Amino acid sequence: MKLLHLIAVAFISLLPSASLAAPQSTTGCSVKPGSYLGWNAQMVTNRWVTLTFVPQLGGRLMQVEFNGHPYLFVNPRFRGKYISPAEAKGDWINYGGDKIWPMPEGGQDENHWVIQSTAIDDLPYHFETISKGKECTVRLTGQPDSITGMRIVRTVSLNADTPEIRFHAVMENATAHSITWSIQSVSQYDLADPTHPSDFNHDLWAFAPRNPKSSFPDGYHVRYGLAEDPAFTINDLFRLHWTYFGNEVWLDTTAGWLAVVDKTSHYGMVETFEFKKEENYPGSTTVIFYKNGPSVHFDEQGAASIPGVTPLTTPYYMEAEVNSPMVTLPPGGSYAFDTVWHPIAIAAQPQEMHGSGVVIKRLEATIKMSEIQLRGSFSAFSPGRLVAVIYSNHGAEISRHELQAIDPTRPIELNTTMPLPERASRIAVKVLNSEGEDRGTLAVASIDSK
């Protein structure tokens, strides 16, 4: 599906401490112009996250850093360069980073997008700051694309008090006739080994919940590459253990999230989206993972071979792609697609995803004498305090207990006890922010008397 380009870039990973500390006070967020690898850029920053936009390159979000850890692939071949669609002559210029693309792809007719340098992907976008201080919101407005008939307007928000990144992508019909497309969030994750850039990261994983009613016989569909690729396994979760071999796998997951986990650096990214049950998705697919790497080719006589490649010719990166439903727009019509990213500290497979974080080891609540013992491992999406809320079997709140302060740059290992009240049946661990507002449930468990 994607063209192969040169040399992956190494990045330095900062390992999060295992200790837990109270969250520090925030000082707001900022939007400032700057320079990034030779490009004119705009940086949106709070105390955890730096978002680096290069508007000239099709409005790309070129890099995301969380606690100093960079996530996205940047192609060294094009550092500091700009190649216009006219200069590209139909080729696709893979700068890297994160962008919005049309779906479906292909060259069979005008209802499919041939991946190439066009207004959507390679003409400058207009950058403007909507707000800053408590909430930083920027908008990138693209130019009408003569091939697809659409224009992309993307709004990105970062609050002062959380690492959460919110995306609002709007597809506008810039023609005098109806158009039908899906829009896709395309993120290229850097998979070079952070300490040995000539090698790939051997402990990089991607996950997405399996659709129990999947239209694909195996729960996923390998659209390109080796169907028996040992990188893929599935039970309740689809698991991709990244290997250096070209593949594209399609999933019809309905759970509304995917996770990319780097067990080497102990950082990950959770991307969330809303699944719309009654809508039609391109190829029935909501999530796609693309592995860049060598692949099988056939010569004119039909003989198969795998051409020799190196990181110099075929860089280490993986694309995580999230599709919107297919939408038909009248002239002047528009459609919005929302996604949210949660950078987290994590070093293991996620088990569940809730509104305030990821469950690594499920919550256990065990009665010992006159106490409840709580155990579990988690990654929180935002700073604050953990509170345990105990309920009766009728759902009434009996009591609540402060547990500990949490910081999103550090994983949570919960091992504590609290008094056992009468009629206790169920317990929920919630995240409260510094103002005491409920940021959502992190985990729930029945209280076990064993």
Protein backbone atom coordinates (compact mmCIF):
# COMPACT_ATOMS: atom_id res chain seq x y z
CA MET A 1 0.00 0.00 0.00
CA LYS A 2 2.70 2.48 0.91
CA LEU A 3 5.92 3.36 -0.93
CA LEU A 4 9.24 2.47 0.62
CA HIS A 5 11.68 5.22 1.49
CA LEU A 6 15.00 5.75 3.19
CA ILE A 7 16.55 5.37 6.66
CA ALA A 8 14.73 5.55 9.91
CA VAL A 9 15.68 8.07 12.52
CA ALA A 10 16.84 7.04 15.98
CA PHE A 11 15.27 8.54 19.02
CA ILE A 12 16.33 8.63 22.65
CA SER A 13 13.85 7.15 25.07
CA LEU A 14 13.48 8.34 28.64
CA LEU A 15 12.48 5.56 31.02
CA PRO A 16 9.76 6.55 33.49
CA SER A 17 10.55 6.07 37.14
CA ALA A 18 8.81 3.24 38.98
CA SER A 19 8.05 5.48 41.96
CA LEU A 20 4.86 7.49 42.28
CA ALA A 21 4.72 11.17 43.11
CA ALA A 22 2.02 13.76 43.52
CA PRO A 23 1.27 15.71 40.33
CA GLN A 24 2.88 19.14 40.13
CA SER A 25 0.91 22.28 39.47
CA THR A 26 0.37 23.21 35.84
CA THR A 27 1.36 26.53 34.30
CA GLY A 28 -0.91 26.52 31.25
CA CYS A 29 -0.18 25.60 27.67
CA SER A 30 1.42 27.58 24.87
CA VAL A 31 1.47 27.93 21.07
CA LYS A 32 4.73 29.22 19.64
CA PRO A 33 6.49 29.29 16.26
CA GLY A 34 9.79 27.48 16.01
CA SER A 35 12.09 25.41 13.83
CA TYR A 36 12.06 21.63 13.56
CA LEU A 37 14.72 19.72 11.58
CA GLY A 38 15.00 22.61 9.14
CA TRP A 39 11.26 23.29 8.70
CA ASN A 40 9.28 26.25 9.95
CA ALA A 41 7.06 24.78 12.64
CA GLN A 42 4.45 25.57 15.27
CA MET A 43 4.75 24.01 18.73
CA VAL A 44 1.80 23.41 21.05
CA THR A 45 3.08 22.55 24.53
CA ASN A 46 2.01 21.80 28.08
CA ARG A 47 4.08 20.32 30.92
CA TRP A 48 3.80 16.80 29.50
CA VAL A 49 3.37 17.06 25.75
CA THR A 50 4.87 18.90 22.77
CA LEU A 51 3.02 18.78 19.44
CA THR A 52 5.11 19.91 16.47
CA PHE A 53 3.19 20.96 13.35
CA VAL A 54 4.74 21.69 9.96
CA PRO A 55 1.84 23.39 8.12
CA GLN A 56 3.74 23.56 4.83
CA LEU A 57 3.79 19.74 4.56
CA GLY A 58 0.08 19.13 4.08
CA GLY A 59 -0.70 20.34 7.61
CA ARG A 60 1.22 17.48 9.19
CA LEU A 61 1.56 16.89 12.89
CA MET A 62 5.20 15.93 12.44
CA GLN A 63 6.08 14.89 15.98
CA VAL A 64 4.46 14.13 19.33
CA GLU A 65 6.63 14.05 22.45
CA PHE A 66 5.43 12.91 25.86
CA ASN A 67 7.75 13.40 28.84
CA GLY A 68 10.56 13.82 26.30
CA HIS A 69 9.74 10.63 24.41
CA PRO A 70 9.09 11.05 20.63
CA TYR A 71 6.56 8.74 18.98
CA LEU A 72 6.43 9.53 15.27
CA PHE A 73 8.65 8.60 12.32
CA VAL A 74 10.32 11.46 10.47
CA ASN A 75 11.90 10.56 7.14
CA PRO A 76 15.53 11.80 7.07
CA ARG A 77 15.46 11.81 3.26
CA PHE A 78 13.21 14.88 3.29
CA ARG A 79 14.36 16.71 6.41
CA GLY A 80 13.97 20.42 5.95
CA LYS A 81 12.75 19.95 2.38
CA TYR A 82 9.51 20.74 0.62
CA ILE A 83 8.56 19.04 -2.66
CA SER A 84 5.44 20.43 -4.29
CA PRO A 85 2.93 18.21 -6.13
CA ALA A 86 4.25 19.62 -9.42
CA GLU A 87 7.81 18.61 -8.51
CA ALA A 88 6.67 15.22 -7.19
CA LYS A 89 5.14 14.38 -10.60
CA GLY A 90 2.59 11.98 -9.16
CA ASP A 91 4.85 10.34 -6.56
CA TRP A 92 3.98 10.22 -2.88
CA ILE A 93 6.40 12.19 -0.71
CA ASN A 94 6.63 10.37 2.61
CA TYR A 95 7.70 13.04 5.07
CA GLY A 96 6.44 10.95 8.00
CA GLY A 97 4.38 12.23 10.94
CA ASP A 98 0.59 12.15 11.25
CA LYS A 99 -2.02 13.34 8.73
CA ILE A 100 -5.54 12.90 7.32
CA TRP A 101 -6.12 10.84 4.16
CA PRO A 102 -9.14 9.81 2.06
CA MET A 103 -10.44 6.26 1.91
CA PRO A 104 -10.87 4.01 0.00
CA GLU A 105 -7.46 3.88 -1.67
CA GLY A 106 -6.70 2.47 -5.11
CA GLY A 107 -6.46 3.37 -8.77
CA GLN A 108 -9.42 1.50 -10.25
CA ASP A 109 -11.79 4.47 -10.58
CA GLU A 110 -12.47 8.04 -9.45
CA ASN A 111 -14.05 6.76 -6.22
CA HIS A 112 -10.64 5.54 -5.00
CA TRP A 113 -7.68 7.72 -4.04
CA VAL A 114 -4.32 7.01 -5.67
CA ILE A 115 -1.73 7.71 -2.97
CA GLN A 116 0.28 10.60 -4.35
CA SER A 117 1.37 14.16 -3.70
CA THR A 118 -1.87 16.19 -3.80
CA ALA A 119 -3.45 19.18 -2.06
CA ILE A 120 -4.61 16.95 0.79
CA ASP A 121 -1.17 15.57 1.59
CA ASP A 122 1.36 18.02 0.16
CA LEU A 123 0.12 21.59 -0.24
CA PRO A 124 0.58 24.12 2.58
CA TYR A 125 -2.21 24.41 5.15
CA HIS A 126 -3.17 27.68 6.82
CA PHE A 127 -2.29 27.56 10.55
CA GLU A 128 -4.13 29.65 13.13
CA THR A 129 -4.28 29.74 16.91
CA ILE A 130 -7.83 29.59 18.28
CA SER A 131 -7.00 29.68 22.00
CA LYS A 132 -4.13 29.31 24.45
CA GLY A 133 -3.49 29.42 28.18
CA LYS A 134 -5.90 27.03 29.89
CA GLU A 135 -6.73 25.30 26.62
CA CYS A 136 -4.59 25.47 23.48
CA THR A 137 -6.50 24.92 20.24
CA VAL A 138 -5.08 25.31 16.75
CA ARG A 139 -6.68 24.92 13.35
CA LEU A 140 -5.07 23.81 10.08
CA THR A 141 -7.05 24.54 6.92
CA GLY A 142 -6.14 22.78 3.72
CA GLN A 143 -6.69 23.69 0.09
CA PRO A 144 -9.37 22.14 -2.16
CA ASP A 145 -8.17 18.93 -3.76
CA SER A 146 -9.02 18.56 -7.45
CA ILE A 147 -8.76 14.76 -7.39
CA THR A 148 -11.06 13.88 -4.47
CA GLY A 149 -13.08 17.11 -4.42
CA MET A 150 -12.55 17.54 -0.68
CA ARG A 151 -10.87 20.04 1.59
CA ILE A 152 -9.58 19.07 5.04
CA VAL A 153 -9.85 21.32 8.09
CA ARG A 154 -8.25 19.91 11.23
CA THR A 155 -8.58 21.32 14.75
CA VAL A 156 -6.26 20.01 17.48
CA SER A 157 -6.61 20.78 21.21
CA LEU A 158 -4.34 20.32 24.22
CA ASN A 159 -5.41 21.38 27.71
CA ALA A 160 -3.09 22.65 30.41
CA ASP A 161 -4.04 19.96 32.94
CA THR A 162 -3.76 16.70 30.95
CA PRO A 163 -1.66 15.04 28.24
CA GLU A 164 -4.85 14.19 26.30
CA ILE A 165 -4.75 15.33 22.64
CA ARG A 166 -8.07 15.91 20.86
CA PHE A 167 -8.48 15.90 17.07
CA HIS A 168 -11.47 17.23 15.15
CA ALA A 169 -11.06 16.56 11.41
CA VAL A 170 -13.61 18.02 9.01
CA MET A 171 -14.05 16.89 5.42
CA GLU A 172 -15.66 19.55 3.24
CA ASN A 173 -17.07 19.09 -0.25
CA ALA A 174 -15.32 21.74 -2.36
CA THR A 175 -17.09 20.79 -5.62
CA ALA A 176 -20.45 21.46 -7.30
CA HIS A 177 -21.44 17.77 -7.14
CA SER A 178 -21.84 15.09 -4.47
CA ILE A 179 -18.78 13.18 -3.26
CA THR A 180 -18.49 9.99 -1.18
CA TRP A 181 -15.45 9.31 1.00
CA SER A 182 -14.21 8.14 4.37
CA ILE A 183 -11.47 10.14 6.06
CA GLN A 184 -8.63 8.38 7.82
CA SER A 185 -6.22 9.34 10.60
CA VAL A 186 -2.78 8.04 9.53
CA SER A 187 0.00 7.97 12.14
CA GLN A 188 3.50 6.70 11.37
CA TYR A 189 5.18 5.38 14.52
CA ASP A 190 8.99 5.26 14.59
CA LEU A 191 10.22 1.68 15.06
CA ALA A 192 13.99 2.10 14.93
CA ASP A 193 15.74 0.68 17.99
CA PRO A 194 16.35 3.72 20.24
CA THR A 195 19.85 2.52 21.18
CA HIS A 196 20.87 0.81 17.89
CA PRO A 197 19.24 2.72 15.01
CA SER A 198 20.54 0.25 12.41
CA ASP A 199 18.20 -2.33 13.97
CA PHE A 200 14.45 -2.27 14.58
CA ASN A 201 12.73 -2.19 17.94
CA HIS A 202 12.14 -5.86 18.81
CA ASP A 203 9.64 -5.13 21.57
CA LEU A 204 7.10 -2.89 19.85
CA TRP A 205 3.47 -4.03 19.96
CA ALA A 206 0.09 -2.91 18.68
CA PHE A 207 -3.28 -3.99 20.08
CA ALA A 208 -6.97 -3.63 19.26
CA PRO A 209 -10.01 -5.48 20.70
CA ARG A 210 -11.38 -8.27 18.53
CA ASN A 211 -14.87 -7.89 17.16
CA PRO A 212 -16.71 -11.01 18.47
CA LYS A 213 -19.00 -10.76 15.42
CA SER A 214 -16.22 -10.01 12.95
CA SER A 215 -16.98 -10.29 9.24
CA PHE A 216 -13.43 -11.59 8.76
CA PRO A 217 -13.05 -15.38 9.35
CA ASP A 218 -9.91 -14.97 11.46
CA GLY A 219 -11.08 -11.80 13.18
CA TYR A 220 -8.78 -9.80 10.91
CA HIS A 221 -7.93 -9.60 7.21
CA VAL A 222 -4.40 -9.49 5.79
CA ARG A 223 -4.88 -7.28 2.75
CA TYR A 224 -1.22 -7.13 1.78
CA GLY A 225 1.71 -9.39 2.65
CA LEU A 226 2.09 -12.80 4.26
CA ALA A 227 -1.19 -14.19 5.61
CA GLU A 228 0.70 -16.46 8.03
CA ASP A 229 2.84 -13.63 9.37
CA PRO A 230 3.83 -14.76 12.90
CA ALA A 231 3.59 -11.13 14.00
CA PHE A 232 -0.21 -11.53 14.27
CA THR A 233 -2.06 -13.38 17.04
CA ILE A 234 -5.62 -12.98 18.29
CA ASN A 235 -7.94 -13.96 21.13
CA ASP A 236 -9.94 -11.22 22.87
CA LEU A 237 -7.33 -8.80 21.57
CA PHE A 238 -5.64 -8.64 18.19
CA ARG A 239 -1.90 -8.46 18.90
CA LEU A 240 0.78 -7.32 16.48
CA HIS A 241 4.38 -7.93 17.55
CA TRP A 242 6.29 -5.83 15.05
CA THR A 243 8.67 -7.63 12.72
CA TYR A 244 10.57 -6.32 9.74
CA PHE A 245 8.29 -7.60 7.00
CA GLY A 246 5.81 -5.69 4.87
CA ASN A 247 2.17 -6.28 5.78
CA GLU A 248 -1.17 -4.53 6.01
CA VAL A 249 -3.88 -5.95 8.26
CA TRP A 250 -7.50 -4.76 8.45
CA LEU A 251 -9.69 -5.00 11.57
CA ASP A 252 -13.42 -4.42 12.02
CA THR A 253 -13.05 -3.74 15.74
CA THR A 254 -16.03 -1.95 17.30
CA ALA A 255 -14.53 -1.15 20.72
CA GLY A 256 -13.29 2.28 19.66
CA TRP A 257 -9.62 2.05 20.63
CA LEU A 258 -6.19 0.83 19.63
CA ALA A 259 -2.91 0.90 21.53
CA VAL A 260 0.72 1.07 20.44
CA VAL A 261 3.07 -0.10 23.21
CA ASP A 262 6.86 0.20 23.22
CA LYS A 263 7.99 -2.21 25.92
CA THR A 264 11.58 -1.03 25.43
CA SER A 265 10.99 2.60 26.37
CA HIS A 266 7.94 1.92 28.60
CA TYR A 267 5.79 4.39 26.66
CA GLY A 268 2.66 3.88 24.62
CA MET A 269 -0.17 5.65 22.85
CA VAL A 270 -3.88 4.88 23.04
CA GLU A 271 -5.94 6.23 20.13
CA THR A 272 -9.71 6.35 20.71
CA PHE A 273 -12.63 6.95 18.36
CA GLU A 274 -16.40 6.53 18.29
CA PHE A 275 -17.68 3.46 16.45
CA LYS A 276 -21.01 4.12 14.73
CA LYS A 277 -22.91 0.86 14.58
CA GLU A 278 -25.31 1.62 11.75
CA GLU A 279 -22.74 3.24 9.46
CA ASN A 280 -20.83 1.76 6.50
CA TYR A 281 -17.05 1.66 6.88
CA PRO A 282 -14.63 1.27 3.93
CA GLY A 283 -14.08 -2.46 3.46
CA SER A 284 -16.01 -2.97 6.75
CA THR A 285 -12.78 -1.81 8.40
CA THR A 286 -12.33 0.61 11.30
CA VAL A 287 -8.62 0.11 12.09
CA ILE A 288 -5.63 -0.72 9.88
CA PHE A 289 -2.04 -1.50 10.83
CA TYR A 290 0.61 -1.22 8.10
CA LYS A 291 4.12 -2.62 8.65
CA ASN A 292 6.78 -1.16 6.40
CA GLY A 293 9.37 -3.74 5.38
CA PRO A 294 10.55 -6.18 2.71
CA SER A 295 7.91 -8.07 0.75
CA VAL A 296 7.54 -10.83 -1.83
CA HIS A 297 7.78 -9.86 -5.51
CA PHE A 298 7.13 -11.88 -8.67
CA ASP A 299 9.16 -11.63 -11.86
CA GLU A 300 7.81 -11.93 -15.41
CA GLN A 301 8.06 -15.72 -15.26
CA GLY A 302 6.07 -15.84 -12.03
CA ALA A 303 9.01 -16.71 -9.78
CA ALA A 304 8.79 -15.29 -6.26
CA SER A 305 11.62 -13.60 -4.41
CA ILE A 306 12.23 -11.15 -1.60
CA PRO A 307 14.54 -8.40 -2.85
CA GLY A 308 17.32 -7.47 -0.49
CA VAL A 309 16.51 -4.36 1.50
CA THR A 310 18.17 -2.47 4.32
CA PRO A 311 17.06 0.29 6.69
CA LEU A 312 18.68 2.66 4.21
CA THR A 313 16.12 1.73 1.56
CA THR A 314 13.21 0.53 3.68
CA PRO A 315 12.93 2.39 7.00
CA TYR A 316 11.45 1.05 10.21
CA TYR A 317 7.96 2.41 10.81
CA MET A 318 4.39 1.24 11.35
CA GLU A 319 1.19 3.04 10.47
CA ALA A 320 -1.82 2.99 12.79
CA GLU A 321 -4.85 4.08 10.76
CA VAL A 322 -8.37 4.85 12.00
CA ASN A 323 -11.23 5.15 9.48
CA SER A 324 -14.39 7.21 9.63
CA PRO A 325 -17.61 5.84 8.11
CA MET A 326 -18.23 6.39 4.40
CA VAL A 327 -20.11 9.66 3.95
CA THR A 328 -21.84 11.22 0.94
CA LEU A 329 -21.64 15.01 0.98
CA PRO A 330 -23.68 17.40 -1.17
CA PRO A 331 -21.95 20.49 -2.59
CA GLY A 332 -20.78 22.61 0.32
CA GLY A 333 -21.53 19.82 2.83
CA SER A 334 -19.16 18.71 5.58
CA TYR A 335 -18.53 15.80 7.95
CA ALA A 336 -16.55 15.77 11.22
CA PHE A 337 -14.47 12.88 12.55
CA ASP A 338 -13.20 13.02 16.15
CA THR A 339 -10.33 11.05 17.66
CA VAL A 340 -8.46 11.37 20.96
CA TRP A 341 -4.89 10.35 21.75
CA HIS A 342 -3.69 9.39 25.22
CA PRO A 343 0.10 9.15 25.65
CA ILE A 344 0.82 6.89 28.61
CA ALA A 345 3.53 5.15 30.64
CA ILE A 346 3.14 1.43 29.95
CA ALA A 347 5.37 -1.63 29.54
CA ALA A 348 2.91 -4.51 29.11
CA GLN A 349 -0.15 -5.62 27.17
CA PRO A 350 -3.32 -3.69 28.01
CA GLN A 351 -6.25 -5.77 29.22
CA GLU A 352 -9.02 -3.18 29.19
CA MET A 353 -9.51 0.49 28.39
CA HIS A 354 -11.73 2.76 30.45
CA GLY A 355 -12.50 6.46 30.41
CA SER A 356 -9.60 7.44 32.64
CA GLY A 357 -6.92 4.92 31.71
CA VAL A 358 -5.75 1.45 30.78
CA VAL A 359 -5.91 -1.72 32.86
CA ILE A 360 -2.68 -3.74 32.78
CA LYS A 361 -3.47 -6.18 35.61
CA ARG A 362 -7.16 -6.35 36.45
CA LEU A 363 -8.32 -5.03 39.79
CA GLU A 364 -8.63 -7.62 42.57
CA ALA A 365 -10.58 -6.83 45.76
CA THR A 366 -10.11 -9.56 48.37
CA ILE A 367 -11.50 -9.68 51.92
CA LYS A 368 -8.89 -10.40 54.57
CA MET A 369 -10.18 -10.36 58.11
CA SER A 370 -11.97 -7.01 58.44
CA GLU A 371 -10.20 -5.36 55.51
CA ILE A 372 -10.36 -5.19 51.71
CA GLN A 373 -7.07 -5.70 49.90
CA LEU A 374 -6.79 -4.01 46.49
CA ARG A 375 -4.29 -5.07 43.84
CA GLY A 376 -3.90 -4.04 40.20
CA SER A 377 -1.70 -2.33 37.61
CA PHE A 378 -2.82 0.62 35.49
CA SER A 379 -1.78 3.51 33.26
CA ALA A 380 -3.72 6.74 33.83
CA PHE A 381 -4.56 9.24 31.11
CA SER A 382 -4.29 12.29 33.38
CA PRO A 383 -2.89 13.40 36.74
CA GLY A 384 -4.90 13.49 39.93
CA ARG A 385 -5.87 11.23 42.79
CA LEU A 386 -7.13 7.67 42.95
CA VAL A 387 -10.26 7.14 45.02
CA ALA A 388 -11.86 3.79 45.87
CA VAL A 389 -15.67 3.86 45.97
CA ILE A 390 -17.44 0.93 47.66
CA TYR A 391 -21.02 0.01 46.67
CA SER A 392 -23.71 -2.27 48.04
CA ASN A 393 -25.27 -5.00 45.91
CA HIS A 394 -28.09 -2.50 45.19
CA GLY A 395 -25.62 0.01 43.71
CA ALA A 396 -25.71 2.46 46.61
CA GLU A 397 -22.42 4.10 47.59
CA ILE A 398 -21.37 3.01 51.07
CA SER A 399 -17.99 4.70 51.46
CA ARG A 400 -15.00 6.11 49.60
CA HIS A 401 -11.31 6.13 50.42
CA GLU A 402 -8.38 8.19 49.16
CA LEU A 403 -5.71 5.90 47.73
CA GLN A 404 -2.79 7.82 46.19
CA ALA A 405 -1.71 10.64 43.91
CA ILE A 406 -1.04 9.66 40.29
CA ASP A 407 1.09 11.07 37.47
CA PRO A 408 0.48 10.00 33.83
CA THR A 409 4.26 9.70 33.23
CA ARG A 410 4.46 6.86 35.75
CA PRO A 411 2.66 3.51 35.81
CA ILE A 412 0.40 2.71 38.76
CA GLU A 413 1.01 -0.33 40.95
CA LEU A 414 -1.87 -0.58 43.41
CA ASN A 415 -1.44 -2.69 46.55
CA THR A 416 -3.30 -1.35 49.55
CA THR A 417 -5.92 -2.17 52.17
CA MET A 418 -8.95 -0.37 53.59
CA PRO A 419 -11.68 -1.10 56.15
CA LEU A 420 -14.45 -3.49 55.08
CA PRO A 421 -17.87 -1.87 55.56
CA GLU A 422 -21.05 -3.87 55.99
CA ARG A 423 -22.96 -4.83 52.83
CA ALA A 424 -19.91 -4.17 50.60
CA SER A 425 -20.40 -5.86 47.23
CA ARG A 426 -18.48 -3.97 44.55
CA ILE A 427 -15.63 -1.48 44.33
CA ALA A 428 -14.67 1.08 41.69
CA VAL A 429 -11.36 2.92 41.45
CA LYS A 430 -11.87 6.41 40.06
CA VAL A 431 -9.58 9.26 39.01
CA LEU A 432 -10.28 12.73 40.43
CA ASN A 433 -8.49 15.82 39.14
CA SER A 434 -6.96 18.55 41.31
CA GLU A 435 -10.37 20.25 41.65
CA GLY A 436 -12.00 17.02 42.79
CA GLU A 437 -13.86 16.47 39.51
CA ASP A 438 -14.46 12.85 38.49
CA ARG A 439 -12.34 12.03 35.40
CA GLY A 440 -13.83 8.56 35.07
CA THR A 441 -13.53 5.01 36.34
CA LEU A 442 -10.17 3.30 36.02
CA ALA A 443 -11.20 -0.20 37.16
CA VAL A 444 -14.01 -2.13 38.85
CA ALA A 445 -14.13 -5.42 40.75
CA SER A 446 -16.49 -7.53 42.83
CA ILE A 447 -15.41 -7.87 46.44
CA ASP A 448 -14.19 -11.45 46.84
CA SER A 449 -14.42 -13.18 50.23
CA LYS A 450 -11.98 -15.97 49.35
